[in-house]
Amino acid sequence: MEKTIFFAPDILSNPELPFEEGQHCVKVLRKKEGDEILITDGKGFFYDATIVQAHPKHCIVNITNTVEPPKGWNFKLQIAFAPTKNIDRIEWFAEKTTEIGIDRLSPILCQHSERKEIKSQRIEKILVSAMKQSQKALLPILDEMQSFSEFIKKDFDGQKYIAHCYPQEKSLLKDIYKKEENALILIGPEGDFSEKEVEEALKHGFKAISLGESRLRTETAALVACHTVHVLNQ
């Protein structure tokens, strides 16, 4: 039976569950002093711990064992995406890519973007929930919104790809991606990247790719890209 995982990012420096986690542990699950629980800091570690104070506002624990489980994938995967007008679709994408396995999510502001800002705090909660639900110990990094032009200038240790729908030469991701290779994939807004943005990305070392014959929504394309990289690494 899978254990409930509690998230405490500062557990090594502060042996107390965050307020909401402590409430869930003591009030909902009715854990008591002496009970054993499993904690992650989201940095790739699990901690076996014993509850020493079972108070809903102050759940204090004692760490008894530290485990660094396999990450589950031996490459770094970052997806940069233009958030959709309907934020529910981006939250769905963030949840599902976390379940599959991703290292970093980077919202970007493009010429055709429908949404100019996002509430990072809400998406962070979804990432935490998805991490715990999928029994992972690594919480994806969620960047603040960045402009497309600034983002593509940043260094990345791996291959960089841009998925777009223009009728120009491009390769299928499944044909161009190499196993165990770090990957950064750009996914555009519903109206696609502008032609100028595609040209700028290519000048900065990005390779043009297709994700298949179907025209996909932003969040679907991002999920397909994530899943494709994982399948190719199996």
C-alpha atoms as a PDB file:
ATOM      1  CA  MET A   1       0.000   0.000   0.000  1.00  0.00           C
ATOM      2  CA  GLU A   2       1.387   3.427  -0.984  1.00  0.00           C
ATOM      3  CA  LYS A   3       2.112   5.825   1.850  1.00  0.00           C
ATOM      4  CA  THR A   4       0.735   9.346   1.997  1.00  0.00           C
ATOM      5  CA  ILE A   5       3.583  11.717   1.225  1.00  0.00           C
ATOM      6  CA  PHE A   6       3.872  15.028   3.046  1.00  0.00           C
ATOM      7  CA  PHE A   7       5.697  17.997   1.524  1.00  0.00           C
ATOM      8  CA  ALA A   8       8.017  20.015   3.738  1.00  0.00           C
ATOM      9  CA  PRO A   9      10.626  21.920   1.695  1.00  0.00           C
ATOM     10  CA  ASP A  10      12.611  23.005   4.774  1.00  0.00           C
ATOM     11  CA  ILE A  11      12.314  19.810   6.795  1.00  0.00           C
ATOM     12  CA  LEU A  12      16.070  19.503   7.399  1.00  0.00           C
ATOM     13  CA  SER A  13      16.279  22.927   9.032  1.00  0.00           C
ATOM     14  CA  ASN A  14      12.791  22.953  10.566  1.00  0.00           C
ATOM     15  CA  PRO A  15      11.359  19.599  11.769  1.00  0.00           C
ATOM     16  CA  GLU A  16       7.762  20.807  11.529  1.00  0.00           C
ATOM     17  CA  LEU A  17       5.241  20.152   8.784  1.00  0.00           C
ATOM     18  CA  PRO A  18       3.900  23.273   7.025  1.00  0.00           C
ATOM     19  CA  PHE A  19       0.498  24.361   8.364  1.00  0.00           C
ATOM     20  CA  GLU A  20      -1.693  22.764   5.657  1.00  0.00           C
ATOM     21  CA  GLU A  21       0.334  19.543   5.657  1.00  0.00           C
ATOM     22  CA  GLY A  22       0.142  19.370   9.454  1.00  0.00           C
ATOM     23  CA  GLN A  23      -3.629  19.897   9.377  1.00  0.00           C
ATOM     24  CA  HIS A  24      -4.041  17.111   6.826  1.00  0.00           C
ATOM     25  CA  CYS A  25      -1.788  14.793   8.811  1.00  0.00           C
ATOM     26  CA  VAL A  26      -3.397  15.306  12.229  1.00  0.00           C
ATOM     27  CA  LYS A  27      -7.001  16.396  11.583  1.00  0.00           C
ATOM     28  CA  VAL A  28      -7.811  14.484   8.378  1.00  0.00           C
ATOM     29  CA  LEU A  29      -5.644  11.355   8.618  1.00  0.00           C
ATOM     30  CA  ARG A  30      -5.758  11.387  12.436  1.00  0.00           C
ATOM     31  CA  LYS A  31      -2.070  10.620  12.828  1.00  0.00           C
ATOM     32  CA  LYS A  32      -0.854  10.476  16.419  1.00  0.00           C
ATOM     33  CA  GLU A  33       2.397  10.851  18.305  1.00  0.00           C
ATOM     34  CA  GLY A  34       4.604   7.870  17.570  1.00  0.00           C
ATOM     35  CA  ASP A  35       3.109   7.275  14.111  1.00  0.00           C
ATOM     36  CA  GLU A  36       5.527   6.997  11.195  1.00  0.00           C
ATOM     37  CA  ILE A  37       5.068   9.173   8.114  1.00  0.00           C
ATOM     38  CA  LEU A  38       6.902   9.808   4.833  1.00  0.00           C
ATOM     39  CA  ILE A  39       8.090  13.302   3.910  1.00  0.00           C
ATOM     40  CA  THR A  40       9.720  14.811   0.828  1.00  0.00           C
ATOM     41  CA  ASP A  41      11.439  18.156   0.470  1.00  0.00           C
ATOM     42  CA  GLY A  42      10.863  18.192  -3.297  1.00  0.00           C
ATOM     43  CA  LYS A  43      14.627  18.219  -3.833  1.00  0.00           C
ATOM     44  CA  GLY A  44      14.918  14.512  -4.628  1.00  0.00           C
ATOM     45  CA  PHE A  45      14.795  13.033  -1.114  1.00  0.00           C
ATOM     46  CA  PHE A  46      12.331  11.065   0.990  1.00  0.00           C
ATOM     47  CA  TYR A  47      12.491  11.132   4.789  1.00  0.00           C
ATOM     48  CA  ASP A  48      11.083   8.512   7.127  1.00  0.00           C
ATOM     49  CA  ALA A  49       9.905  10.365  10.204  1.00  0.00           C
ATOM     50  CA  THR A  50       8.125   9.788  13.505  1.00  0.00           C
ATOM     51  CA  ILE A  51       5.593  12.272  14.851  1.00  0.00           C
ATOM     52  CA  VAL A  52       6.707  13.647  18.218  1.00  0.00           C
ATOM     53  CA  GLN A  53       4.004  16.314  18.591  1.00  0.00           C
ATOM     54  CA  ALA A  54       0.640  15.697  16.916  1.00  0.00           C
ATOM     55  CA  HIS A  55      -0.920  19.133  17.054  1.00  0.00           C
ATOM     56  CA  PRO A  56      -2.865  20.356  13.982  1.00  0.00           C
ATOM     57  CA  LYS A  57      -1.099  23.719  14.125  1.00  0.00           C
ATOM     58  CA  HIS A  58       2.322  22.372  15.047  1.00  0.00           C
ATOM     59  CA  CYS A  59       3.054  18.868  13.817  1.00  0.00           C
ATOM     60  CA  ILE A  60       6.626  18.186  14.909  1.00  0.00           C
ATOM     61  CA  VAL A  61       8.553  15.185  13.582  1.00  0.00           C
ATOM     62  CA  ASN A  62      11.830  13.390  14.079  1.00  0.00           C
ATOM     63  CA  ILE A  63      13.612  12.170  10.942  1.00  0.00           C
ATOM     64  CA  THR A  64      14.726   8.562  11.298  1.00  0.00           C
ATOM     65  CA  ASN A  65      15.982   7.781   7.804  1.00  0.00           C
ATOM     66  CA  THR A  66      16.879   9.559   4.569  1.00  0.00           C
ATOM     67  CA  VAL A  67      16.428   7.977   1.140  1.00  0.00           C
ATOM     68  CA  GLU A  68      17.455   9.331  -2.250  1.00  0.00           C
ATOM     69  CA  PRO A  69      15.277   7.360  -4.684  1.00  0.00           C
ATOM     70  CA  PRO A  70      16.136   7.084  -8.390  1.00  0.00           C
ATOM     71  CA  LYS A  71      14.908  10.168 -10.217  1.00  0.00           C
ATOM     72  CA  GLY A  72      13.145   7.966 -12.763  1.00  0.00           C
ATOM     73  CA  TRP A  73      14.766   9.590 -15.814  1.00  0.00           C
ATOM     74  CA  ASN A  74      18.433  10.278 -16.552  1.00  0.00           C
ATOM     75  CA  PHE A  75      18.098  13.493 -18.542  1.00  0.00           C
ATOM     76  CA  LYS A  76      16.882  17.033 -17.932  1.00  0.00           C
ATOM     77  CA  LEU A  77      13.630  18.094 -19.540  1.00  0.00           C
ATOM     78  CA  GLN A  78      12.477  21.708 -19.659  1.00  0.00           C
ATOM     79  CA  ILE A  79       9.365  22.893 -21.477  1.00  0.00           C
ATOM     80  CA  ALA A  80       8.769  26.574 -22.176  1.00  0.00           C
ATOM     81  CA  PHE A  81       5.168  27.364 -23.060  1.00  0.00           C
ATOM     82  CA  ALA A  82       2.877  30.293 -23.782  1.00  0.00           C
ATOM     83  CA  PRO A  83       0.056  30.114 -21.183  1.00  0.00           C
ATOM     84  CA  THR A  84      -3.432  29.813 -22.651  1.00  0.00           C
ATOM     85  CA  LYS A  85      -6.310  32.190 -21.977  1.00  0.00           C
ATOM     86  CA  ASN A  86      -8.093  29.391 -20.094  1.00  0.00           C
ATOM     87  CA  ILE A  87      -5.696  28.817 -17.195  1.00  0.00           C
ATOM     88  CA  ASP A  88      -7.376  25.503 -16.315  1.00  0.00           C
ATOM     89  CA  ARG A  89      -5.764  23.966 -19.379  1.00  0.00           C
ATOM     90  CA  ILE A  90      -2.290  25.031 -18.304  1.00  0.00           C
ATOM     91  CA  GLU A  91      -2.899  23.748 -14.782  1.00  0.00           C
ATOM     92  CA  TRP A  92      -3.911  20.397 -16.320  1.00  0.00           C
ATOM     93  CA  PHE A  93      -0.724  20.345 -18.386  1.00  0.00           C
ATOM     94  CA  ALA A  94       1.430  21.178 -15.338  1.00  0.00           C
ATOM     95  CA  GLU A  95      -0.190  18.374 -13.371  1.00  0.00           C
ATOM     96  CA  LYS A  96       0.214  15.737 -16.076  1.00  0.00           C
ATOM     97  CA  THR A  97       3.804  16.575 -16.993  1.00  0.00           C
ATOM     98  CA  THR A  98       4.731  16.391 -13.310  1.00  0.00           C
ATOM     99  CA  GLU A  99       3.173  12.936 -13.119  1.00  0.00           C
ATOM    100  CA  ILE A 100       5.134  11.827 -16.199  1.00  0.00           C
ATOM    101  CA  GLY A 101       8.367  13.525 -15.165  1.00  0.00           C
ATOM    102  CA  ILE A 102       9.720  17.001 -15.897  1.00  0.00           C
ATOM    103  CA  ASP A 103      12.463  19.168 -14.412  1.00  0.00           C
ATOM    104  CA  ARG A 104      11.435  22.709 -15.284  1.00  0.00           C
ATOM    105  CA  LEU A 105       8.416  24.623 -16.574  1.00  0.00           C
ATOM    106  CA  SER A 106       8.951  28.066 -18.073  1.00  0.00           C
ATOM    107  CA  PRO A 107       5.991  30.318 -19.000  1.00  0.00           C
ATOM    108  CA  ILE A 108       6.907  32.642 -21.882  1.00  0.00           C
ATOM    109  CA  LEU A 109       5.234  35.750 -23.278  1.00  0.00           C
ATOM    110  CA  CYS A 110       5.011  35.614 -27.059  1.00  0.00           C
ATOM    111  CA  GLN A 111       3.734  37.964 -29.751  1.00  0.00           C
ATOM    112  CA  HIS A 112       0.472  36.015 -30.096  1.00  0.00           C
ATOM    113  CA  SER A 113       0.051  35.213 -26.391  1.00  0.00           C
ATOM    114  CA  GLU A 114      -3.514  35.390 -25.080  1.00  0.00           C
ATOM    115  CA  ARG A 115      -2.463  35.536 -21.422  1.00  0.00           C
ATOM    116  CA  LYS A 116       0.066  38.059 -20.145  1.00  0.00           C
ATOM    117  CA  GLU A 117       0.492  36.734 -16.587  1.00  0.00           C
ATOM    118  CA  ILE A 118      -0.129  33.675 -14.432  1.00  0.00           C
ATOM    119  CA  LYS A 119      -0.610  33.040 -10.731  1.00  0.00           C
ATOM    120  CA  SER A 120       2.445  30.981  -9.914  1.00  0.00           C
ATOM    121  CA  GLN A 121       1.285  30.162  -6.388  1.00  0.00           C
ATOM    122  CA  ARG A 122      -1.757  28.219  -7.627  1.00  0.00           C
ATOM    123  CA  ILE A 123       0.263  26.247 -10.157  1.00  0.00           C
ATOM    124  CA  GLU A 124       2.911  25.513  -7.502  1.00  0.00           C
ATOM    125  CA  LYS A 125       0.220  23.855  -5.356  1.00  0.00           C
ATOM    126  CA  ILE A 126      -0.821  21.720  -8.322  1.00  0.00           C
ATOM    127  CA  LEU A 127       2.792  20.682  -8.908  1.00  0.00           C
ATOM    128  CA  VAL A 128       3.173  19.683  -5.264  1.00  0.00           C
ATOM    129  CA  SER A 129      -0.048  17.664  -5.334  1.00  0.00           C
ATOM    130  CA  ALA A 130       0.955  15.905  -8.570  1.00  0.00           C
ATOM    131  CA  MET A 131       4.421  15.151  -7.207  1.00  0.00           C
ATOM    132  CA  LYS A 132       2.974  13.530  -4.095  1.00  0.00           C
ATOM    133  CA  GLN A 133       0.239  11.687  -6.011  1.00  0.00           C
ATOM    134  CA  SER A 134       2.779  10.165  -8.416  1.00  0.00           C
ATOM    135  CA  GLN A 135       5.065   9.186  -5.517  1.00  0.00           C
ATOM    136  CA  LYS A 136       7.939  11.408  -6.661  1.00  0.00           C
ATOM    137  CA  ALA A 137      10.506  13.242  -4.573  1.00  0.00           C
ATOM    138  CA  LEU A 138      11.404  15.897  -7.139  1.00  0.00           C
ATOM    139  CA  LEU A 139       9.312  19.041  -7.499  1.00  0.00           C
ATOM    140  CA  PRO A 140       9.635  20.701 -10.927  1.00  0.00           C
ATOM    141  CA  ILE A 141      10.974  24.243 -10.994  1.00  0.00           C
ATOM    142  CA  LEU A 142       8.345  26.767 -12.082  1.00  0.00           C
ATOM    143  CA  ASP A 143       9.845  29.942 -13.520  1.00  0.00           C
ATOM    144  CA  GLU A 144       8.259  33.364 -13.532  1.00  0.00           C
ATOM    145  CA  MET A 145       6.838  34.584 -16.830  1.00  0.00           C
ATOM    146  CA  GLN A 146       9.589  35.697 -19.224  1.00  0.00           C
ATOM    147  CA  SER A 147       9.535  37.365 -22.617  1.00  0.00           C
ATOM    148  CA  PHE A 148      10.235  35.065 -25.547  1.00  0.00           C
ATOM    149  CA  SER A 149      13.115  37.202 -26.800  1.00  0.00           C
ATOM    150  CA  GLU A 150      14.898  37.155 -23.439  1.00  0.00           C
ATOM    151  CA  PHE A 151      14.242  33.477 -22.785  1.00  0.00           C
ATOM    152  CA  ILE A 152      15.777  32.156 -26.014  1.00  0.00           C
ATOM    153  CA  LYS A 153      19.064  33.945 -25.255  1.00  0.00           C
ATOM    154  CA  LYS A 154      19.654  31.908 -22.097  1.00  0.00           C
ATOM    155  CA  ASP A 155      22.154  29.056 -22.021  1.00  0.00           C
ATOM    156  CA  PHE A 156      20.939  25.470 -21.897  1.00  0.00           C
ATOM    157  CA  ASP A 157      23.121  22.377 -21.512  1.00  0.00           C
ATOM    158  CA  GLY A 158      21.470  20.186 -24.118  1.00  0.00           C
ATOM    159  CA  GLN A 159      19.472  20.314 -27.336  1.00  0.00           C
ATOM    160  CA  LYS A 160      16.938  23.085 -27.917  1.00  0.00           C
ATOM    161  CA  TYR A 161      13.784  22.641 -29.997  1.00  0.00           C
ATOM    162  CA  ILE A 162      10.940  24.855 -31.165  1.00  0.00           C
ATOM    163  CA  ALA A 163       7.644  23.283 -32.257  1.00  0.00           C
ATOM    164  CA  HIS A 164       5.679  25.309 -34.797  1.00  0.00           C
ATOM    165  CA  CYS A 165       3.137  24.838 -37.587  1.00  0.00           C
ATOM    166  CA  TYR A 166       4.682  26.819 -40.451  1.00  0.00           C
ATOM    167  CA  PRO A 167       5.296  24.894 -43.718  1.00  0.00           C
ATOM    168  CA  GLN A 168       9.077  24.993 -43.584  1.00  0.00           C
ATOM    169  CA  GLU A 169      11.712  22.321 -43.127  1.00  0.00           C
ATOM    170  CA  LYS A 170      11.496  20.632 -39.733  1.00  0.00           C
ATOM    171  CA  SER A 171      11.978  17.176 -38.233  1.00  0.00           C
ATOM    172  CA  LEU A 172       9.705  15.034 -36.127  1.00  0.00           C
ATOM    173  CA  LEU A 173      10.791  15.193 -32.487  1.00  0.00           C
ATOM    174  CA  LYS A 174      10.863  11.406 -32.374  1.00  0.00           C
ATOM    175  CA  ASP A 175      13.373  11.334 -35.245  1.00  0.00           C
ATOM    176  CA  ILE A 176      15.731  14.060 -34.084  1.00  0.00           C
ATOM    177  CA  TYR A 177      15.860  13.572 -30.312  1.00  0.00           C
ATOM    178  CA  LYS A 178      18.723  11.418 -29.016  1.00  0.00           C
ATOM    179  CA  LYS A 179      18.257   9.142 -26.009  1.00  0.00           C
ATOM    180  CA  GLU A 180      19.503  10.491 -22.648  1.00  0.00           C
ATOM    181  CA  GLU A 181      19.915  13.973 -24.104  1.00  0.00           C
ATOM    182  CA  ASN A 182      18.871  17.032 -22.106  1.00  0.00           C
ATOM    183  CA  ALA A 183      16.041  18.778 -23.936  1.00  0.00           C
ATOM    184  CA  LEU A 184      14.463  22.228 -23.924  1.00  0.00           C
ATOM    185  CA  ILE A 185      11.260  22.420 -25.975  1.00  0.00           C
ATOM    186  CA  LEU A 186       9.391  25.605 -26.882  1.00  0.00           C
ATOM    187  CA  ILE A 187       5.609  25.357 -27.281  1.00  0.00           C
ATOM    188  CA  GLY A 188       3.775  28.398 -28.644  1.00  0.00           C
ATOM    189  CA  PRO A 189       0.374  30.004 -28.043  1.00  0.00           C
ATOM    190  CA  GLU A 190      -2.875  29.034 -29.787  1.00  0.00           C
ATOM    191  CA  GLY A 191      -2.000  31.352 -32.671  1.00  0.00           C
ATOM    192  CA  ASP A 192       1.488  29.803 -32.899  1.00  0.00           C
ATOM    193  CA  PHE A 193       4.779  31.654 -32.666  1.00  0.00           C
ATOM    194  CA  SER A 194       5.194  34.519 -35.093  1.00  0.00           C
ATOM    195  CA  GLU A 195       7.455  33.829 -38.060  1.00  0.00           C
ATOM    196  CA  LYS A 196       9.922  36.344 -36.647  1.00  0.00           C
ATOM    197  CA  GLU A 197      10.020  34.448 -33.313  1.00  0.00           C
ATOM    198  CA  VAL A 198      10.735  31.189 -35.137  1.00  0.00           C
ATOM    199  CA  GLU A 199      13.564  32.872 -37.047  1.00  0.00           C
ATOM    200  CA  GLU A 200      15.020  34.305 -33.821  1.00  0.00           C
ATOM    201  CA  ALA A 201      14.888  30.913 -32.110  1.00  0.00           C
ATOM    202  CA  LEU A 202      16.683  29.231 -35.014  1.00  0.00           C
ATOM    203  CA  LYS A 203      19.414  31.889 -34.862  1.00  0.00           C
ATOM    204  CA  HIS A 204      19.897  31.066 -31.165  1.00  0.00           C
ATOM    205  CA  GLY A 205      20.456  27.363 -31.767  1.00  0.00           C
ATOM    206  CA  PHE A 206      16.927  25.955 -31.585  1.00  0.00           C
ATOM    207  CA  LYS A 207      15.943  23.222 -34.028  1.00  0.00           C
ATOM    208  CA  ALA A 208      12.534  23.318 -35.705  1.00  0.00           C
ATOM    209  CA  ILE A 209      10.385  20.283 -34.921  1.00  0.00           C
ATOM    210  CA  SER A 210       6.953  18.817 -35.549  1.00  0.00           C
ATOM    211  CA  LEU A 211       4.984  16.705 -33.093  1.00  0.00           C
ATOM    212  CA  GLY A 212       2.981  14.943 -35.820  1.00  0.00           C
ATOM    213  CA  GLU A 213       0.325  15.567 -38.433  1.00  0.00           C
ATOM    214  CA  SER A 214      -2.434  16.714 -36.065  1.00  0.00           C
ATOM    215  CA  ARG A 215      -2.749  20.376 -35.102  1.00  0.00           C
ATOM    216  CA  LEU A 216      -2.596  20.361 -31.310  1.00  0.00           C
ATOM    217  CA  ARG A 217      -3.687  22.795 -28.639  1.00  0.00           C
ATOM    218  CA  THR A 218      -0.861  24.370 -26.615  1.00  0.00           C
ATOM    219  CA  GLU A 219      -1.287  22.168 -23.546  1.00  0.00           C
ATOM    220  CA  THR A 220      -1.727  19.012 -25.644  1.00  0.00           C
ATOM    221  CA  ALA A 221       1.417  19.756 -27.657  1.00  0.00           C
ATOM    222  CA  ALA A 222       3.405  20.317 -24.465  1.00  0.00           C
ATOM    223  CA  LEU A 223       2.184  17.053 -22.982  1.00  0.00           C
ATOM    224  CA  VAL A 224       2.909  15.139 -26.209  1.00  0.00           C
ATOM    225  CA  ALA A 225       6.444  16.571 -26.251  1.00  0.00           C
ATOM    226  CA  CYS A 226       7.034  15.523 -22.643  1.00  0.00           C
ATOM    227  CA  HIS A 227       5.676  12.020 -23.186  1.00  0.00           C
ATOM    228  CA  THR A 228       7.574  11.552 -26.457  1.00  0.00           C
ATOM    229  CA  VAL A 229      10.920  12.288 -24.787  1.00  0.00           C
ATOM    230  CA  HIS A 230      10.144   9.818 -22.001  1.00  0.00           C
ATOM    231  CA  VAL A 231       9.060   7.075 -24.422  1.00  0.00           C
ATOM    232  CA  LEU A 232      12.222   7.530 -26.482  1.00  0.00           C
ATOM    233  CA  ASN A 233      14.301   7.069 -23.322  1.00  0.00           C
ATOM    234  CA  GLN A 234      12.735   3.719 -22.423  1.00  0.00           C
END
